[in-house]
Amino acid sequence: MQITPHKNKIYRASLTAGLVALTSSLSMADTPTVANLSGDAVSGSTIYIVDPASVTTPKELLVTSDTSQLINALGGDINFAGGNVELYAASDGASLADFANAQHVELALNFGNGQQVTLSSLNGQDWFNTASNSYNTTFGADNLANQWFNDYVDELNTFPTLAPYTADRESLFNSFRDNGGFQQQSDPNISYVEADGSEVRVGLGGFIDIKPRVTSLIANSTGLPEALVNGLIPDGIQSSEVVLIDGVASYGFNAVSSGVVLDDGVDSYNATYEVSQPVPEPSSAMLVLLGAGAITLRRKR
């Protein structure tokens, strides 16, 4: 699956003027009625559901291999995640070479209103393919990796105390790439999916504060001790993983509490990042096929 990069720095699928009139006639969002996983049997997926015995706040998650729990794991919303489904669970351990052509792990969803959507993990081709269809892992290339990374650093720079450490973007990019940063961004945890005819909304499980990851990135890039860097940068930095929604990269930088947590020592999935993608109504799909307009990439803030 190949992403065609665009030079604008906004990433959420947006349909051009020919599709603006295709608005929803539904009064409320639909949730998936059928969910199917496919993809790499080794990298695979992980399903997290709320532990029925949990009496804590937030609720504790547990892992299940029971794929009949897919709909249950996706049954949350912006107020309470309720679980999540991780796509490409082994991505963090993949080398950059193996990551280049890793098989996508996909979650195909059907809704009661007839809509369908496919959510997917990413691989190196998605990140590093350029507009000219070359594979380029360097800083400054015209591809999703550079577009996302510049958005990421722009977000870090909203914290004034970080600016002295993010000025050398090339060094940051190289450090991020060489320490598995893009692999870590490529295994989205899907907490919920909602469709209302004109839009699909996806909740991504993540961290309410990614300061530890930013600390490691800056320390690796600058050579400063992590303990020193940790004391210099603020709390409350937020950034989601990236998901392909029908082939379009979507991510966000604003999180809310998920109401759940995994007891793994770092409180994974304690946040939800909602991203969305405008889509036509099912009855209008043929109009899209007839050339109603191009698709651009937009970022969800």
C-alpha atoms as a PDB file:
ATOM      1  CA  MET A   1       0.000   0.000   0.000  1.00  0.00           C
ATOM      2  CA  GLN A   2       1.644   3.243  -1.096  1.00  0.00           C
ATOM      3  CA  ILE A   3       1.064   6.727   0.302  1.00  0.00           C
ATOM      4  CA  THR A   4       1.382   9.560  -2.214  1.00  0.00           C
ATOM      5  CA  PRO A   5       2.971  12.330  -0.146  1.00  0.00           C
ATOM      6  CA  HIS A   6       1.854  15.942  -0.326  1.00  0.00           C
ATOM      7  CA  LYS A   7       3.846  18.993   0.656  1.00  0.00           C
ATOM      8  CA  ASN A   8       1.125  20.487   2.804  1.00  0.00           C
ATOM      9  CA  LYS A   9       1.579  19.545   6.444  1.00  0.00           C
ATOM     10  CA  ILE A  10      -1.965  18.507   7.219  1.00  0.00           C
ATOM     11  CA  TYR A  11      -2.842  14.883   7.411  1.00  0.00           C
ATOM     12  CA  ARG A  12      -6.392  13.609   7.497  1.00  0.00           C
ATOM     13  CA  ALA A  13      -8.118  12.527   4.351  1.00  0.00           C
ATOM     14  CA  SER A  14     -10.091  15.407   2.932  1.00  0.00           C
ATOM     15  CA  LEU A  15     -12.272  15.133  -0.142  1.00  0.00           C
ATOM     16  CA  THR A  16     -12.169  18.038  -2.577  1.00  0.00           C
ATOM     17  CA  ALA A  17     -15.048  20.258  -3.628  1.00  0.00           C
ATOM     18  CA  GLY A  18     -16.727  17.599  -5.743  1.00  0.00           C
ATOM     19  CA  LEU A  19     -17.492  15.625  -2.597  1.00  0.00           C
ATOM     20  CA  VAL A  20     -18.460  18.408  -0.237  1.00  0.00           C
ATOM     21  CA  ALA A  21     -22.129  17.928  -1.030  1.00  0.00           C
ATOM     22  CA  LEU A  22     -22.032  14.274   0.011  1.00  0.00           C
ATOM     23  CA  THR A  23     -23.107  14.880   3.602  1.00  0.00           C
ATOM     24  CA  SER A  24     -24.585  12.378   5.999  1.00  0.00           C
ATOM     25  CA  SER A  25     -28.296  11.800   6.338  1.00  0.00           C
ATOM     26  CA  LEU A  26     -27.816   9.838   9.558  1.00  0.00           C
ATOM     27  CA  SER A  27     -28.631  11.344  12.924  1.00  0.00           C
ATOM     28  CA  MET A  28     -26.094   9.334  14.912  1.00  0.00           C
ATOM     29  CA  ALA A  29     -22.887   7.395  14.380  1.00  0.00           C
ATOM     30  CA  ASP A  30     -22.823   3.694  13.553  1.00  0.00           C
ATOM     31  CA  THR A  31     -20.381   1.282  15.177  1.00  0.00           C
ATOM     32  CA  PRO A  32     -18.939  -1.811  13.463  1.00  0.00           C
ATOM     33  CA  THR A  33     -21.133  -4.890  13.241  1.00  0.00           C
ATOM     34  CA  VAL A  34     -18.464  -7.095  11.633  1.00  0.00           C
ATOM     35  CA  ALA A  35     -14.695  -6.945  12.179  1.00  0.00           C
ATOM     36  CA  ASN A  36     -11.992  -9.063  10.552  1.00  0.00           C
ATOM     37  CA  LEU A  37      -8.209  -9.086  10.960  1.00  0.00           C
ATOM     38  CA  SER A  38      -5.766 -10.076   8.254  1.00  0.00           C
ATOM     39  CA  GLY A  39      -2.044  -9.787   7.638  1.00  0.00           C
ATOM     40  CA  ASP A  40       1.295 -11.047   8.856  1.00  0.00           C
ATOM     41  CA  ALA A  41       0.783 -14.096  11.067  1.00  0.00           C
ATOM     42  CA  VAL A  42       4.073 -13.403  12.859  1.00  0.00           C
ATOM     43  CA  SER A  43       3.710  -9.669  13.467  1.00  0.00           C
ATOM     44  CA  GLY A  44      -0.016 -10.118  13.866  1.00  0.00           C
ATOM     45  CA  SER A  45      -2.199  -8.254  16.262  1.00  0.00           C
ATOM     46  CA  THR A  46      -3.009  -8.074  19.946  1.00  0.00           C
ATOM     47  CA  ILE A  47      -6.509  -7.692  21.377  1.00  0.00           C
ATOM     48  CA  TYR A  48      -6.936  -5.868  24.684  1.00  0.00           C
ATOM     49  CA  ILE A  49     -10.210  -5.935  26.624  1.00  0.00           C
ATOM     50  CA  VAL A  50     -11.206  -4.649  30.055  1.00  0.00           C
ATOM     51  CA  ASP A  51     -10.488  -7.167  32.795  1.00  0.00           C
ATOM     52  CA  PRO A  52     -13.920  -8.153  34.182  1.00  0.00           C
ATOM     53  CA  ALA A  53     -12.346  -8.418  37.630  1.00  0.00           C
ATOM     54  CA  SER A  54     -10.872  -4.917  37.546  1.00  0.00           C
ATOM     55  CA  VAL A  55     -12.061  -2.670  40.370  1.00  0.00           C
ATOM     56  CA  THR A  56      -9.554   0.114  39.779  1.00  0.00           C
ATOM     57  CA  THR A  57      -9.937   3.508  38.170  1.00  0.00           C
ATOM     58  CA  PRO A  58      -8.822   3.527  35.415  1.00  0.00           C
ATOM     59  CA  LYS A  59      -9.948  -0.004  34.523  1.00  0.00           C
ATOM     60  CA  GLU A  60      -7.210  -2.547  33.853  1.00  0.00           C
ATOM     61  CA  LEU A  61      -6.801  -4.181  30.458  1.00  0.00           C
ATOM     62  CA  LEU A  62      -5.932  -7.774  29.733  1.00  0.00           C
ATOM     63  CA  VAL A  63      -4.770  -9.540  26.577  1.00  0.00           C
ATOM     64  CA  THR A  64      -6.927 -12.094  24.807  1.00  0.00           C
ATOM     65  CA  SER A  65      -6.265 -14.268  21.751  1.00  0.00           C
ATOM     66  CA  ASP A  66     -10.002 -14.746  21.209  1.00  0.00           C
ATOM     67  CA  THR A  67     -10.788 -12.984  17.928  1.00  0.00           C
ATOM     68  CA  SER A  68     -14.507 -13.188  18.728  1.00  0.00           C
ATOM     69  CA  GLN A  69     -13.711 -10.362  21.177  1.00  0.00           C
ATOM     70  CA  LEU A  70     -12.883  -7.948  18.345  1.00  0.00           C
ATOM     71  CA  ILE A  71     -16.180  -6.070  18.440  1.00  0.00           C
ATOM     72  CA  ASN A  72     -16.035  -5.971  22.237  1.00  0.00           C
ATOM     73  CA  ALA A  73     -12.511  -4.500  22.132  1.00  0.00           C
ATOM     74  CA  LEU A  74     -13.695  -1.817  19.689  1.00  0.00           C
ATOM     75  CA  GLY A  75     -16.822  -0.982  21.666  1.00  0.00           C
ATOM     76  CA  GLY A  76     -15.559   2.117  23.437  1.00  0.00           C
ATOM     77  CA  ASP A  77     -15.805   5.805  22.602  1.00  0.00           C
ATOM     78  CA  ILE A  78     -14.065   9.103  23.341  1.00  0.00           C
ATOM     79  CA  ASN A  79     -15.252   8.934  26.962  1.00  0.00           C
ATOM     80  CA  PHE A  80     -14.161   5.361  27.708  1.00  0.00           C
ATOM     81  CA  ALA A  81     -11.892   3.308  25.458  1.00  0.00           C
ATOM     82  CA  GLY A  82     -12.966  -0.087  26.770  1.00  0.00           C
ATOM     83  CA  GLY A  83     -10.108  -1.894  25.024  1.00  0.00           C
ATOM     84  CA  ASN A  84      -8.172  -1.788  21.751  1.00  0.00           C
ATOM     85  CA  VAL A  85      -6.824  -3.866  18.883  1.00  0.00           C
ATOM     86  CA  GLU A  86      -3.121  -3.451  18.098  1.00  0.00           C
ATOM     87  CA  LEU A  87      -2.075  -3.833  14.456  1.00  0.00           C
ATOM     88  CA  TYR A  88       1.479  -5.066  13.700  1.00  0.00           C
ATOM     89  CA  ALA A  89       2.253  -5.896  17.310  1.00  0.00           C
ATOM     90  CA  ALA A  90       5.899  -6.834  16.589  1.00  0.00           C
ATOM     91  CA  SER A  91       6.821  -3.592  14.844  1.00  0.00           C
ATOM     92  CA  ASP A  92       8.992  -2.230  17.676  1.00  0.00           C
ATOM     93  CA  GLY A  93      11.456  -5.088  17.237  1.00  0.00           C
ATOM     94  CA  ALA A  94      11.732  -4.887  13.454  1.00  0.00           C
ATOM     95  CA  SER A  95      14.960  -3.727  11.868  1.00  0.00           C
ATOM     96  CA  LEU A  96      14.711  -0.903   9.340  1.00  0.00           C
ATOM     97  CA  ALA A  97      15.539  -3.396   6.568  1.00  0.00           C
ATOM     98  CA  ASP A  98      12.832  -5.868   7.639  1.00  0.00           C
ATOM     99  CA  PHE A  99      10.395  -3.010   8.187  1.00  0.00           C
ATOM    100  CA  ALA A 100      10.743  -1.789   4.594  1.00  0.00           C
ATOM    101  CA  ASN A 101       8.410  -4.422   3.155  1.00  0.00           C
ATOM    102  CA  ALA A 102       6.660  -5.723   6.262  1.00  0.00           C
ATOM    103  CA  GLN A 103       3.200  -7.068   5.530  1.00  0.00           C
ATOM    104  CA  HIS A 104       0.370  -4.784   6.567  1.00  0.00           C
ATOM    105  CA  VAL A 105      -1.878  -5.957   9.376  1.00  0.00           C
ATOM    106  CA  GLU A 106      -5.389  -4.821   8.503  1.00  0.00           C
ATOM    107  CA  LEU A 107      -8.656  -4.453  10.375  1.00  0.00           C
ATOM    108  CA  ALA A 108     -11.630  -4.542   7.990  1.00  0.00           C
ATOM    109  CA  LEU A 109     -14.889  -3.166   9.401  1.00  0.00           C
ATOM    110  CA  ASN A 110     -18.476  -3.257   8.165  1.00  0.00           C
ATOM    111  CA  PHE A 111     -21.116  -0.936   9.597  1.00  0.00           C
ATOM    112  CA  GLY A 112     -24.860  -1.296   9.855  1.00  0.00           C
ATOM    113  CA  ASN A 113     -25.380   1.583   7.406  1.00  0.00           C
ATOM    114  CA  GLY A 114     -23.525  -0.265   4.654  1.00  0.00           C
ATOM    115  CA  GLN A 115     -20.236   1.573   5.011  1.00  0.00           C
ATOM    116  CA  GLN A 116     -16.935  -0.237   5.051  1.00  0.00           C
ATOM    117  CA  VAL A 117     -13.509   0.938   6.213  1.00  0.00           C
ATOM    118  CA  THR A 118     -10.097  -0.704   6.417  1.00  0.00           C
ATOM    119  CA  LEU A 119      -7.575   0.350   9.039  1.00  0.00           C
ATOM    120  CA  SER A 120      -3.957  -0.693   8.632  1.00  0.00           C
ATOM    121  CA  SER A 121      -0.506  -0.636  10.143  1.00  0.00           C
ATOM    122  CA  LEU A 122       2.346   1.012   8.239  1.00  0.00           C
ATOM    123  CA  ASN A 123       5.611  -0.260   6.822  1.00  0.00           C
ATOM    124  CA  GLY A 124       8.743   1.373   5.420  1.00  0.00           C
ATOM    125  CA  GLN A 125       7.237   1.805   1.974  1.00  0.00           C
ATOM    126  CA  ASP A 126       4.420   3.881   3.456  1.00  0.00           C
ATOM    127  CA  TRP A 127       6.860   6.124   5.290  1.00  0.00           C
ATOM    128  CA  PHE A 128       9.778   6.464   2.882  1.00  0.00           C
ATOM    129  CA  ASN A 129       8.380   6.221  -0.654  1.00  0.00           C
ATOM    130  CA  THR A 130       8.613   9.597  -2.384  1.00  0.00           C
ATOM    131  CA  ALA A 131       6.391  11.284  -4.942  1.00  0.00           C
ATOM    132  CA  SER A 132       8.749   9.968  -7.631  1.00  0.00           C
ATOM    133  CA  ASN A 133       8.363   6.422  -6.251  1.00  0.00           C
ATOM    134  CA  SER A 134      11.879   6.137  -4.869  1.00  0.00           C
ATOM    135  CA  TYR A 135      12.653   4.738  -1.415  1.00  0.00           C
ATOM    136  CA  ASN A 136      14.448   7.466   0.527  1.00  0.00           C
ATOM    137  CA  THR A 137      15.144   7.307   4.263  1.00  0.00           C
ATOM    138  CA  THR A 138      17.046  10.602   4.454  1.00  0.00           C
ATOM    139  CA  PHE A 139      16.003  13.857   6.052  1.00  0.00           C
ATOM    140  CA  GLY A 140      14.458  16.291   3.593  1.00  0.00           C
ATOM    141  CA  ALA A 141      12.948  13.695   1.253  1.00  0.00           C
ATOM    142  CA  ASP A 142       9.440  14.335  -0.079  1.00  0.00           C
ATOM    143  CA  ASN A 143       7.675  11.531   1.766  1.00  0.00           C
ATOM    144  CA  LEU A 144       5.384  10.815   4.699  1.00  0.00           C
ATOM    145  CA  ALA A 145       8.298  10.255   7.089  1.00  0.00           C
ATOM    146  CA  ASN A 146       9.537  13.819   6.660  1.00  0.00           C
ATOM    147  CA  GLN A 147       6.063  15.326   6.591  1.00  0.00           C
ATOM    148  CA  TRP A 148       5.051  13.585   9.802  1.00  0.00           C
ATOM    149  CA  PHE A 149       8.387  14.297  11.504  1.00  0.00           C
ATOM    150  CA  ASN A 150       8.207  18.012  10.755  1.00  0.00           C
ATOM    151  CA  ASP A 151       4.674  18.086  12.174  1.00  0.00           C
ATOM    152  CA  TYR A 152       5.958  16.245  15.230  1.00  0.00           C
ATOM    153  CA  VAL A 153       8.798  18.712  15.826  1.00  0.00           C
ATOM    154  CA  ASP A 154       6.429  21.635  15.213  1.00  0.00           C
ATOM    155  CA  GLU A 155       4.274  20.199  17.997  1.00  0.00           C
ATOM    156  CA  LEU A 156       7.303  19.856  20.299  1.00  0.00           C
ATOM    157  CA  ASN A 157       8.124  23.488  19.597  1.00  0.00           C
ATOM    158  CA  THR A 158       4.798  24.585  21.063  1.00  0.00           C
ATOM    159  CA  PHE A 159       6.671  24.003  24.333  1.00  0.00           C
ATOM    160  CA  PRO A 160       9.141  26.950  24.361  1.00  0.00           C
ATOM    161  CA  THR A 161      11.690  25.173  26.569  1.00  0.00           C
ATOM    162  CA  LEU A 162      12.132  22.483  23.902  1.00  0.00           C
ATOM    163  CA  ALA A 163      13.157  24.855  21.100  1.00  0.00           C
ATOM    164  CA  PRO A 164      16.909  24.830  21.905  1.00  0.00           C
ATOM    165  CA  TYR A 165      16.942  21.031  21.560  1.00  0.00           C
ATOM    166  CA  THR A 166      14.891  20.719  18.369  1.00  0.00           C
ATOM    167  CA  ALA A 167      16.676  23.272  16.178  1.00  0.00           C
ATOM    168  CA  ASP A 168      18.797  20.623  14.434  1.00  0.00           C
ATOM    169  CA  ARG A 169      15.958  18.704  12.799  1.00  0.00           C
ATOM    170  CA  GLU A 170      18.250  16.575  10.674  1.00  0.00           C
ATOM    171  CA  SER A 171      20.069  15.180  13.710  1.00  0.00           C
ATOM    172  CA  LEU A 172      16.745  14.564  15.446  1.00  0.00           C
ATOM    173  CA  PHE A 173      15.356  12.818  12.366  1.00  0.00           C
ATOM    174  CA  ASN A 174      18.418  10.605  11.980  1.00  0.00           C
ATOM    175  CA  SER A 175      18.330   9.655  15.650  1.00  0.00           C
ATOM    176  CA  PHE A 176      14.606   8.936  15.505  1.00  0.00           C
ATOM    177  CA  ARG A 177      15.010   6.774  12.385  1.00  0.00           C
ATOM    178  CA  ASP A 178      18.092   4.903  13.605  1.00  0.00           C
ATOM    179  CA  ASN A 179      16.523   4.057  16.975  1.00  0.00           C
ATOM    180  CA  GLY A 180      13.353   2.513  15.595  1.00  0.00           C
ATOM    181  CA  GLY A 181      11.146   5.576  15.875  1.00  0.00           C
ATOM    182  CA  PHE A 182       9.157   4.967  12.705  1.00  0.00           C
ATOM    183  CA  GLN A 183       8.559   1.332  13.629  1.00  0.00           C
ATOM    184  CA  GLN A 184       7.200   2.485  17.003  1.00  0.00           C
ATOM    185  CA  GLN A 185       4.738   4.783  15.253  1.00  0.00           C
ATOM    186  CA  SER A 186       3.466   2.081  12.900  1.00  0.00           C
ATOM    187  CA  ASP A 187       1.484  -0.299  15.158  1.00  0.00           C
ATOM    188  CA  PRO A 188      -1.696   1.663  15.931  1.00  0.00           C
ATOM    189  CA  ASN A 189      -3.950   0.527  18.765  1.00  0.00           C
ATOM    190  CA  ILE A 190      -7.547   0.932  17.601  1.00  0.00           C
ATOM    191  CA  SER A 191      -9.847   1.706  20.535  1.00  0.00           C
ATOM    192  CA  TYR A 192     -13.058   2.442  18.643  1.00  0.00           C
ATOM    193  CA  VAL A 193     -14.369   3.287  15.184  1.00  0.00           C
ATOM    194  CA  GLU A 194     -17.516   5.283  14.416  1.00  0.00           C
ATOM    195  CA  ALA A 195     -19.100   6.109  11.047  1.00  0.00           C
ATOM    196  CA  ASP A 196     -21.819   8.679  10.481  1.00  0.00           C
ATOM    197  CA  GLY A 197     -21.986   8.607   6.690  1.00  0.00           C
ATOM    198  CA  SER A 198     -19.816  11.636   6.022  1.00  0.00           C
ATOM    199  CA  GLU A 199     -16.986  10.825   8.423  1.00  0.00           C
ATOM    200  CA  VAL A 200     -15.179   7.933  10.058  1.00  0.00           C
ATOM    201  CA  ARG A 201     -13.778   8.613  13.528  1.00  0.00           C
ATOM    202  CA  VAL A 202     -11.055   6.407  14.967  1.00  0.00           C
ATOM    203  CA  GLY A 203      -9.834   6.348  18.557  1.00  0.00           C
ATOM    204  CA  LEU A 204      -6.139   5.506  18.919  1.00  0.00           C
ATOM    205  CA  GLY A 205      -4.851   4.191  22.230  1.00  0.00           C
ATOM    206  CA  GLY A 206      -1.628   5.795  23.418  1.00  0.00           C
ATOM    207  CA  PHE A 207       0.113   7.648  26.234  1.00  0.00           C
ATOM    208  CA  ILE A 208      -1.312  10.739  27.896  1.00  0.00           C
ATOM    209  CA  ASP A 209       2.289  12.015  28.120  1.00  0.00           C
ATOM    210  CA  ILE A 210       5.128  10.912  25.815  1.00  0.00           C
ATOM    211  CA  LYS A 211       7.828  12.829  27.706  1.00  0.00           C
ATOM    212  CA  PRO A 212       9.955   9.661  28.240  1.00  0.00           C
ATOM    213  CA  ARG A 213      10.182   9.100  24.471  1.00  0.00           C
ATOM    214  CA  VAL A 214      11.007  12.741  23.790  1.00  0.00           C
ATOM    215  CA  THR A 215      13.654  12.651  26.529  1.00  0.00           C
ATOM    216  CA  SER A 216      15.311   9.634  24.894  1.00  0.00           C
ATOM    217  CA  LEU A 217      15.159  11.223  21.443  1.00  0.00           C
ATOM    218  CA  ILE A 218      16.793  14.472  22.558  1.00  0.00           C
ATOM    219  CA  ALA A 219      19.403  12.691  24.678  1.00  0.00           C
ATOM    220  CA  ASN A 220      20.368  10.389  21.790  1.00  0.00           C
ATOM    221  CA  SER A 221      20.511  13.295  19.354  1.00  0.00           C
ATOM    222  CA  THR A 222      22.465  15.731  21.516  1.00  0.00           C
ATOM    223  CA  GLY A 223      24.584  13.357  23.593  1.00  0.00           C
ATOM    224  CA  LEU A 224      23.252  14.906  26.813  1.00  0.00           C
ATOM    225  CA  PRO A 225      22.514  12.587  29.767  1.00  0.00           C
ATOM    226  CA  GLU A 226      18.859  11.499  29.894  1.00  0.00           C
ATOM    227  CA  ALA A 227      18.587  12.547  33.539  1.00  0.00           C
ATOM    228  CA  LEU A 228      19.627  16.086  32.604  1.00  0.00           C
ATOM    229  CA  VAL A 229      17.275  16.258  29.608  1.00  0.00           C
ATOM    230  CA  ASN A 230      14.390  14.917  31.671  1.00  0.00           C
ATOM    231  CA  GLY A 231      14.721  17.838  34.050  1.00  0.00           C
ATOM    232  CA  LEU A 232      14.819  20.386  31.231  1.00  0.00           C
ATOM    233  CA  ILE A 233      11.714  19.471  29.251  1.00  0.00           C
ATOM    234  CA  PRO A 234       8.066  19.774  30.311  1.00  0.00           C
ATOM    235  CA  ASP A 235       5.411  17.207  31.107  1.00  0.00           C
ATOM    236  CA  GLY A 236       2.276  16.869  29.016  1.00  0.00           C
ATOM    237  CA  ILE A 237       3.737  16.231  25.554  1.00  0.00           C
ATOM    238  CA  GLN A 238       1.271  14.330  23.387  1.00  0.00           C
ATOM    239  CA  SER A 239       1.448  12.496  20.069  1.00  0.00           C
ATOM    240  CA  SER A 240      -0.421   9.472  18.713  1.00  0.00           C
ATOM    241  CA  GLU A 241       0.739   6.578  16.610  1.00  0.00           C
ATOM    242  CA  VAL A 242      -0.176   6.639  12.923  1.00  0.00           C
ATOM    243  CA  VAL A 243      -2.950   4.633  11.269  1.00  0.00           C
ATOM    244  CA  LEU A 244      -3.877   4.191   7.628  1.00  0.00           C
ATOM    245  CA  ILE A 245      -7.616   4.816   7.167  1.00  0.00           C
ATOM    246  CA  ASP A 246      -8.432   3.365   3.753  1.00  0.00           C
ATOM    247  CA  GLY A 247      -4.805   3.990   2.806  1.00  0.00           C
ATOM    248  CA  VAL A 248      -4.547   7.542   4.162  1.00  0.00           C
ATOM    249  CA  ALA A 249      -2.190   8.370   7.060  1.00  0.00           C
ATOM    250  CA  SER A 250      -3.960   9.877  10.079  1.00  0.00           C
ATOM    251  CA  TYR A 251      -2.612  10.945  13.491  1.00  0.00           C
ATOM    252  CA  GLY A 252      -3.142  13.499  16.234  1.00  0.00           C
ATOM    253  CA  PHE A 253      -1.461  15.512  18.978  1.00  0.00           C
ATOM    254  CA  ASN A 254      -4.285  15.993  21.483  1.00  0.00           C
ATOM    255  CA  ALA A 255      -5.308  13.247  23.895  1.00  0.00           C
ATOM    256  CA  VAL A 256      -7.956  12.645  26.538  1.00  0.00           C
ATOM    257  CA  SER A 257      -7.913  10.106  29.334  1.00  0.00           C
ATOM    258  CA  SER A 258      -8.996   6.697  28.044  1.00  0.00           C
ATOM    259  CA  GLY A 259     -10.378   5.374  31.325  1.00  0.00           C
ATOM    260  CA  VAL A 260      -8.271   2.207  30.924  1.00  0.00           C
ATOM    261  CA  VAL A 261      -4.663   1.221  31.478  1.00  0.00           C
ATOM    262  CA  LEU A 262      -2.418  -1.791  30.946  1.00  0.00           C
ATOM    263  CA  ASP A 263      -0.490  -2.937  34.015  1.00  0.00           C
ATOM    264  CA  ASP A 264       2.853  -3.063  32.223  1.00  0.00           C
ATOM    265  CA  GLY A 265       4.880  -0.682  34.364  1.00  0.00           C
ATOM    266  CA  VAL A 266       4.442   2.304  32.037  1.00  0.00           C
ATOM    267  CA  ASP A 267       0.634   2.657  32.049  1.00  0.00           C
ATOM    268  CA  SER A 268       0.125   1.964  28.359  1.00  0.00           C
ATOM    269  CA  TYR A 269      -3.126   3.023  26.649  1.00  0.00           C
ATOM    270  CA  ASN A 270      -4.074   5.555  29.322  1.00  0.00           C
ATOM    271  CA  ALA A 271      -4.945   8.059  26.561  1.00  0.00           C
ATOM    272  CA  THR A 272      -7.180   8.236  23.511  1.00  0.00           C
ATOM    273  CA  TYR A 273      -6.338  10.265  20.407  1.00  0.00           C
ATOM    274  CA  GLU A 274      -9.276  10.712  18.056  1.00  0.00           C
ATOM    275  CA  VAL A 275      -8.553  11.074  14.349  1.00  0.00           C
ATOM    276  CA  SER A 276     -11.084  11.204  11.543  1.00  0.00           C
ATOM    277  CA  GLN A 277     -11.459  10.974   7.811  1.00  0.00           C
ATOM    278  CA  PRO A 278     -14.297  12.388   5.702  1.00  0.00           C
ATOM    279  CA  VAL A 279     -15.878   9.757   3.467  1.00  0.00           C
ATOM    280  CA  PRO A 280     -18.863   9.737   1.112  1.00  0.00           C
ATOM    281  CA  GLU A 281     -22.092   7.957   1.969  1.00  0.00           C
ATOM    282  CA  PRO A 282     -22.320   4.329   0.775  1.00  0.00           C
ATOM    283  CA  SER A 283     -24.859   5.257  -1.906  1.00  0.00           C
ATOM    284  CA  SER A 284     -22.437   7.860  -3.274  1.00  0.00           C
ATOM    285  CA  ALA A 285     -19.452   5.549  -3.638  1.00  0.00           C
ATOM    286  CA  MET A 286     -19.989   5.255  -7.404  1.00  0.00           C
ATOM    287  CA  LEU A 287     -19.681   9.022  -7.767  1.00  0.00           C
ATOM    288  CA  VAL A 288     -16.233   8.824  -6.245  1.00  0.00           C
ATOM    289  CA  LEU A 289     -15.233   6.095  -8.684  1.00  0.00           C
ATOM    290  CA  LEU A 290     -16.385   8.322 -11.534  1.00  0.00           C
ATOM    291  CA  GLY A 291     -13.856  10.957 -10.570  1.00  0.00           C
ATOM    292  CA  ALA A 292     -15.547  13.262  -8.107  1.00  0.00           C
ATOM    293  CA  GLY A 293     -12.228  14.577  -6.840  1.00  0.00           C
ATOM    294  CA  ALA A 294      -8.753  13.934  -5.548  1.00  0.00           C
ATOM    295  CA  ILE A 295      -7.803  13.045  -1.997  1.00  0.00           C
ATOM    296  CA  THR A 296      -5.351  15.093   0.044  1.00  0.00           C
ATOM    297  CA  LEU A 297      -3.817  14.369   3.421  1.00  0.00           C
ATOM    298  CA  ARG A 298      -4.788  16.211   6.551  1.00  0.00           C
ATOM    299  CA  ARG A 299      -3.611  16.174  10.081  1.00  0.00           C
ATOM    300  CA  LYS A 300      -6.015  15.860  13.038  1.00  0.00           C
ATOM    301  CA  ARG A 301      -5.143  18.261  15.812  1.00  0.00           C
END
